[in-house]
């Protein structure tokens, strides 16, 4: 018997299992990754470098995402292969919009909190010097694949048929939250939440790329391109 489809082209299994995985990814896994890495190091009798731990973490996320959303990924890949030109054009337009609007959002953010710079760019710059190839793999391929499948494929796609406006609002808000809450908890400084404004425009642009093109590979390409440019900037 064929699986019943859920909202946004998701099967019921993808919606149910994906929601559980997404909650774990959003709230639990970032906190559990460090202790799990320390435990693995003790069991192996050697210290596991932080960059290697990050790679293992994202490889695990990548594997779970690919298996859990294989049906959605198959559909979005076929759509891309049927018409790759418009999807790539959408990604190109998105990169231009991303940088223009993100600069505006960053300036607005600095009006509310006395911190400069993008947290994501700062994290990339801190890692690129220690392990450039590993960092490149994570931020240009693994992270965009996982994040776009979850935030755009699951959240945006799951809400779009109910309300396009709701899909944009929720996916953008959660995308912004996941990039700042760990800093707020680690430093015990709720002012970090004000920096969510820096990620609302990127989240909006990525959601638009998926919505406009109809394929996750447009938003993945956009996300990967932006991260690649951030890596190059960090290497200069």
Protein backbone atom coordinates (compact mmCIF):
# COMPACT_ATOMS: atom_id res chain seq x y z
CA UNK A 1 0.00 0.00 0.00
CA UNK A 2 1.40 3.41 -0.92
CA UNK A 3 2.21 5.84 1.86
CA UNK A 4 -0.24 8.66 2.32
CA UNK A 5 1.17 12.06 1.59
CA UNK A 6 1.34 14.73 4.22
CA UNK A 7 1.49 18.48 3.77
CA UNK A 8 4.14 19.93 1.53
CA UNK A 9 4.82 16.63 -0.27
CA UNK A 10 5.97 14.97 2.96
CA UNK A 11 4.84 11.47 3.84
CA UNK A 12 3.27 10.97 7.25
CA UNK A 13 6.39 9.09 8.34
CA UNK A 14 8.59 12.00 7.29
CA UNK A 15 6.38 14.46 9.12
CA UNK A 16 6.23 12.43 12.35
CA UNK A 17 9.79 11.13 12.45
CA UNK A 18 11.16 14.38 11.03
CA UNK A 19 9.46 16.46 13.72
CA UNK A 20 10.97 14.33 16.49
CA UNK A 21 14.40 14.53 14.88
CA UNK A 22 14.04 18.27 14.37
CA UNK A 23 13.20 18.90 18.03
CA UNK A 24 16.23 16.84 19.08
CA UNK A 25 18.41 18.70 16.57
CA UNK A 26 17.14 22.06 17.74
CA UNK A 27 17.26 21.61 21.52
CA UNK A 28 19.13 18.50 22.65
CA UNK A 29 21.83 17.42 20.22
CA UNK A 30 23.89 20.66 20.36
CA UNK A 31 24.17 20.27 24.15
CA UNK A 32 24.81 16.52 24.02
CA UNK A 33 27.50 16.67 21.32
CA UNK A 34 30.28 17.94 23.59
CA UNK A 35 29.78 15.42 26.43
CA UNK A 36 29.36 12.60 23.90
CA UNK A 37 32.66 13.56 22.26
CA UNK A 38 34.43 13.62 25.64
CA UNK A 39 33.00 10.20 26.51
CA UNK A 40 34.11 8.76 23.17
CA UNK A 41 37.60 10.15 23.76
CA UNK A 42 37.81 8.49 27.16
CA UNK A 43 36.63 5.16 25.77
CA UNK A 44 39.20 5.35 22.98
CA UNK A 45 41.94 6.51 25.31
CA UNK A 46 42.73 9.60 23.25
CA UNK A 47 41.47 13.13 22.84
CA UNK A 48 39.29 13.68 19.78
CA UNK A 49 40.01 17.08 18.17
CA UNK A 50 37.10 19.51 18.17
CA UNK A 51 37.13 19.79 14.38
CA UNK A 52 36.97 16.01 14.03
CA UNK A 53 34.13 15.93 16.52
CA UNK A 54 32.24 18.55 14.50
CA UNK A 55 32.73 16.52 11.35
CA UNK A 56 31.45 13.33 13.02
CA UNK A 57 28.48 15.26 14.39
CA UNK A 58 27.49 16.59 10.98
CA UNK A 59 28.15 13.26 9.26
CA UNK A 60 25.69 11.74 11.72
CA UNK A 61 23.12 14.47 11.06
CA UNK A 62 23.63 14.07 7.32
CA UNK A 63 23.10 10.30 7.47
CA UNK A 64 19.93 10.53 9.58
CA UNK A 65 18.53 13.32 7.39
CA UNK A 66 19.23 11.43 4.16
CA UNK A 67 17.58 8.25 5.44
CA UNK A 68 14.63 9.89 7.16
CA UNK A 69 13.76 12.22 4.27
CA UNK A 70 14.80 9.99 1.36
CA UNK A 71 11.37 10.25 -0.27
CA UNK A 72 11.28 14.06 -0.10
CA UNK A 73 14.89 14.28 -1.30
CA UNK A 74 14.11 11.98 -4.21
CA UNK A 75 11.18 14.14 -5.30
CA UNK A 76 13.10 17.41 -4.96
CA UNK A 77 16.07 15.96 -6.86
CA UNK A 78 13.86 14.85 -9.76
CA UNK A 79 12.31 18.30 -9.90
CA UNK A 80 15.76 19.89 -10.03
CA UNK A 81 16.97 17.55 -12.76
CA UNK A 82 13.86 18.26 -14.83
CA UNK A 83 14.66 21.99 -14.85
CA UNK A 84 18.07 22.87 -13.35
CA UNK A 85 18.40 26.28 -15.03
CA UNK A 86 15.65 28.15 -13.14
CA UNK A 87 16.76 26.60 -9.84
CA UNK A 88 20.36 27.75 -10.31
CA UNK A 89 19.18 31.18 -11.44
CA UNK A 90 17.08 31.43 -8.28
CA UNK A 91 20.13 30.53 -6.18
CA UNK A 92 22.18 33.22 -7.93
CA UNK A 93 19.55 35.90 -7.36
CA UNK A 94 19.26 34.72 -3.77
CA UNK A 95 22.97 35.24 -3.09
CA UNK A 96 22.74 38.88 -4.23
CA UNK A 97 19.62 39.47 -2.12
CA UNK A 98 21.13 37.60 0.83
CA UNK A 99 24.16 39.87 1.12
CA UNK A 100 22.31 43.09 0.48
CA UNK A 101 19.51 42.45 2.94
CA UNK A 102 21.77 40.77 5.53
CA UNK A 103 23.94 43.86 5.71
CA UNK A 104 20.84 45.92 6.40
CA UNK A 105 19.73 43.45 9.09
CA UNK A 106 23.18 43.49 10.70
CA UNK A 107 23.10 47.28 10.92
CA UNK A 108 19.67 47.11 12.54
CA UNK A 109 20.95 44.50 14.97
CA UNK A 110 23.79 46.74 16.08
CA UNK A 111 21.25 49.40 17.01
CA UNK A 112 19.84 47.08 19.69
CA UNK A 113 22.89 45.23 21.01
CA UNK A 114 26.50 46.26 21.39
CA UNK A 115 28.04 43.42 19.38
CA UNK A 116 29.41 43.53 15.87
CA UNK A 117 29.83 40.77 13.38
CA UNK A 118 27.83 37.73 12.44
CA UNK A 119 27.98 34.82 14.90
CA UNK A 120 28.02 32.27 12.11
CA UNK A 121 30.87 34.02 10.28
CA UNK A 122 32.82 34.34 13.53
CA UNK A 123 32.46 30.62 14.24
CA UNK A 124 33.60 29.73 10.72
CA UNK A 125 36.61 32.05 10.96
CA UNK A 126 37.62 30.48 14.28
CA UNK A 127 37.62 26.97 12.78
CA UNK A 128 39.03 27.61 9.33
CA UNK A 129 42.59 28.20 10.56
CA UNK A 130 42.78 24.88 12.44
CA UNK A 131 41.18 22.59 9.88
CA UNK A 132 40.36 24.34 6.58
CA UNK A 133 39.40 21.23 4.61
CA UNK A 134 37.22 19.81 7.37
CA UNK A 135 35.54 23.17 7.93
CA UNK A 136 34.93 23.53 4.20
CA UNK A 137 33.25 20.12 4.07
CA UNK A 138 30.98 20.94 6.99
CA UNK A 139 29.89 24.48 6.12
CA UNK A 140 29.66 24.11 2.33
CA UNK A 141 28.04 20.71 2.05
CA UNK A 142 26.95 18.93 5.23
CA UNK A 143 25.40 21.86 7.15
CA UNK A 144 23.48 23.35 4.19
CA UNK A 145 22.09 19.92 3.28
CA UNK A 146 20.88 19.21 6.81
CA UNK A 147 19.56 22.69 7.56
CA UNK A 148 17.73 23.15 4.28
CA UNK A 149 16.07 19.75 4.51
CA UNK A 150 14.89 20.50 8.05
CA UNK A 151 14.06 24.21 7.99
CA UNK A 152 12.82 24.46 4.42
CA UNK A 153 11.78 20.90 3.52
CA UNK A 154 10.18 19.94 6.83
CA UNK A 155 9.12 23.18 8.50
CA UNK A 156 8.39 25.41 5.50
CA UNK A 157 7.06 22.59 3.33
CA UNK A 158 4.94 21.20 6.14
CA UNK A 159 3.30 24.56 6.87
CA UNK A 160 3.03 25.99 3.36
CA UNK A 161 -0.24 24.30 2.42
CA UNK A 162 -1.85 25.67 5.59
CA UNK A 163 -0.48 29.18 5.22
CA UNK A 164 2.43 30.50 3.15
CA UNK A 165 2.82 33.44 5.54
CA UNK A 166 2.96 31.09 8.53
CA UNK A 167 5.51 28.91 6.73
CA UNK A 168 7.81 31.89 6.14
CA UNK A 169 7.38 33.24 9.69
CA UNK A 170 7.96 29.98 11.56
CA UNK A 171 10.82 28.66 9.41
CA UNK A 172 12.64 32.02 9.58
CA UNK A 173 12.14 32.38 13.34
CA UNK A 174 13.39 28.85 14.09
CA UNK A 175 16.34 29.27 11.72
CA UNK A 176 17.31 32.44 13.59
CA UNK A 177 16.81 30.82 16.99
CA UNK A 178 19.04 27.82 16.30
CA UNK A 179 21.95 30.11 15.44
CA UNK A 180 21.90 32.18 18.64
CA UNK A 181 20.42 30.31 21.59
CA UNK A 182 23.55 28.31 22.38
CA UNK A 183 25.57 31.53 22.70
CA UNK A 184 22.93 33.00 25.00
CA UNK A 185 22.99 29.89 27.23
CA UNK A 186 26.78 29.52 27.23
CA UNK A 187 27.39 33.18 28.16
CA UNK A 188 24.22 33.47 30.25
CA UNK A 189 23.39 36.58 28.29
CA UNK A 190 19.85 36.87 26.87
CA UNK A 191 20.98 39.87 24.79
CA UNK A 192 22.20 37.36 22.23
CA UNK A 193 18.57 36.69 21.31
CA UNK A 194 18.43 40.20 19.88
CA UNK A 195 20.93 39.03 17.27
CA UNK A 196 18.22 36.81 15.83
CA UNK A 197 17.44 39.78 13.61
CA UNK A 198 20.66 39.00 11.69
CA UNK A 199 19.24 35.62 10.65
CA UNK A 200 15.70 36.59 9.79
CA UNK A 201 16.66 37.96 6.37
CA UNK A 202 18.90 34.97 5.50
CA UNK A 203 16.10 32.64 6.57
CA UNK A 204 13.62 34.59 4.46
CA UNK A 205 15.91 34.46 1.41
CA UNK A 206 16.50 30.73 1.73
CA UNK A 207 12.78 30.06 2.16
CA UNK A 208 12.06 32.18 -0.92
CA UNK A 209 14.61 30.18 -2.95
CA UNK A 210 12.84 26.95 -2.06
CA UNK A 211 9.37 28.38 -2.53
CA UNK A 212 10.20 30.05 -5.85
CA UNK A 213 12.08 27.13 -7.40
CA UNK A 214 10.11 24.24 -5.91
CA UNK A 215 13.29 22.30 -5.16
CA UNK A 216 15.47 22.11 -2.06
CA UNK A 217 18.58 22.10 -4.24
CA UNK A 218 18.07 25.79 -5.01
CA UNK A 219 18.13 26.73 -1.32
CA UNK A 220 20.94 24.23 -0.65
CA UNK A 221 23.01 25.79 -3.45
CA UNK A 222 22.27 29.29 -2.12
CA UNK A 223 23.18 28.26 1.44
CA UNK A 224 26.35 26.50 0.27
CA UNK A 225 27.38 29.49 -1.86
CA UNK A 226 26.96 31.95 1.00
CA UNK A 227 28.92 29.72 3.39
CA UNK A 228 31.66 29.20 0.79
CA UNK A 229 32.07 32.96 0.46
CA UNK A 230 32.26 33.23 4.26
CA UNK A 231 35.00 30.59 4.31
CA UNK A 232 36.95 32.45 1.63
CA UNK A 233 36.58 35.69 3.58
CA UNK A 234 37.90 33.96 6.69
CA UNK A 235 40.96 32.68 4.82
CA UNK A 236 41.94 36.14 3.54
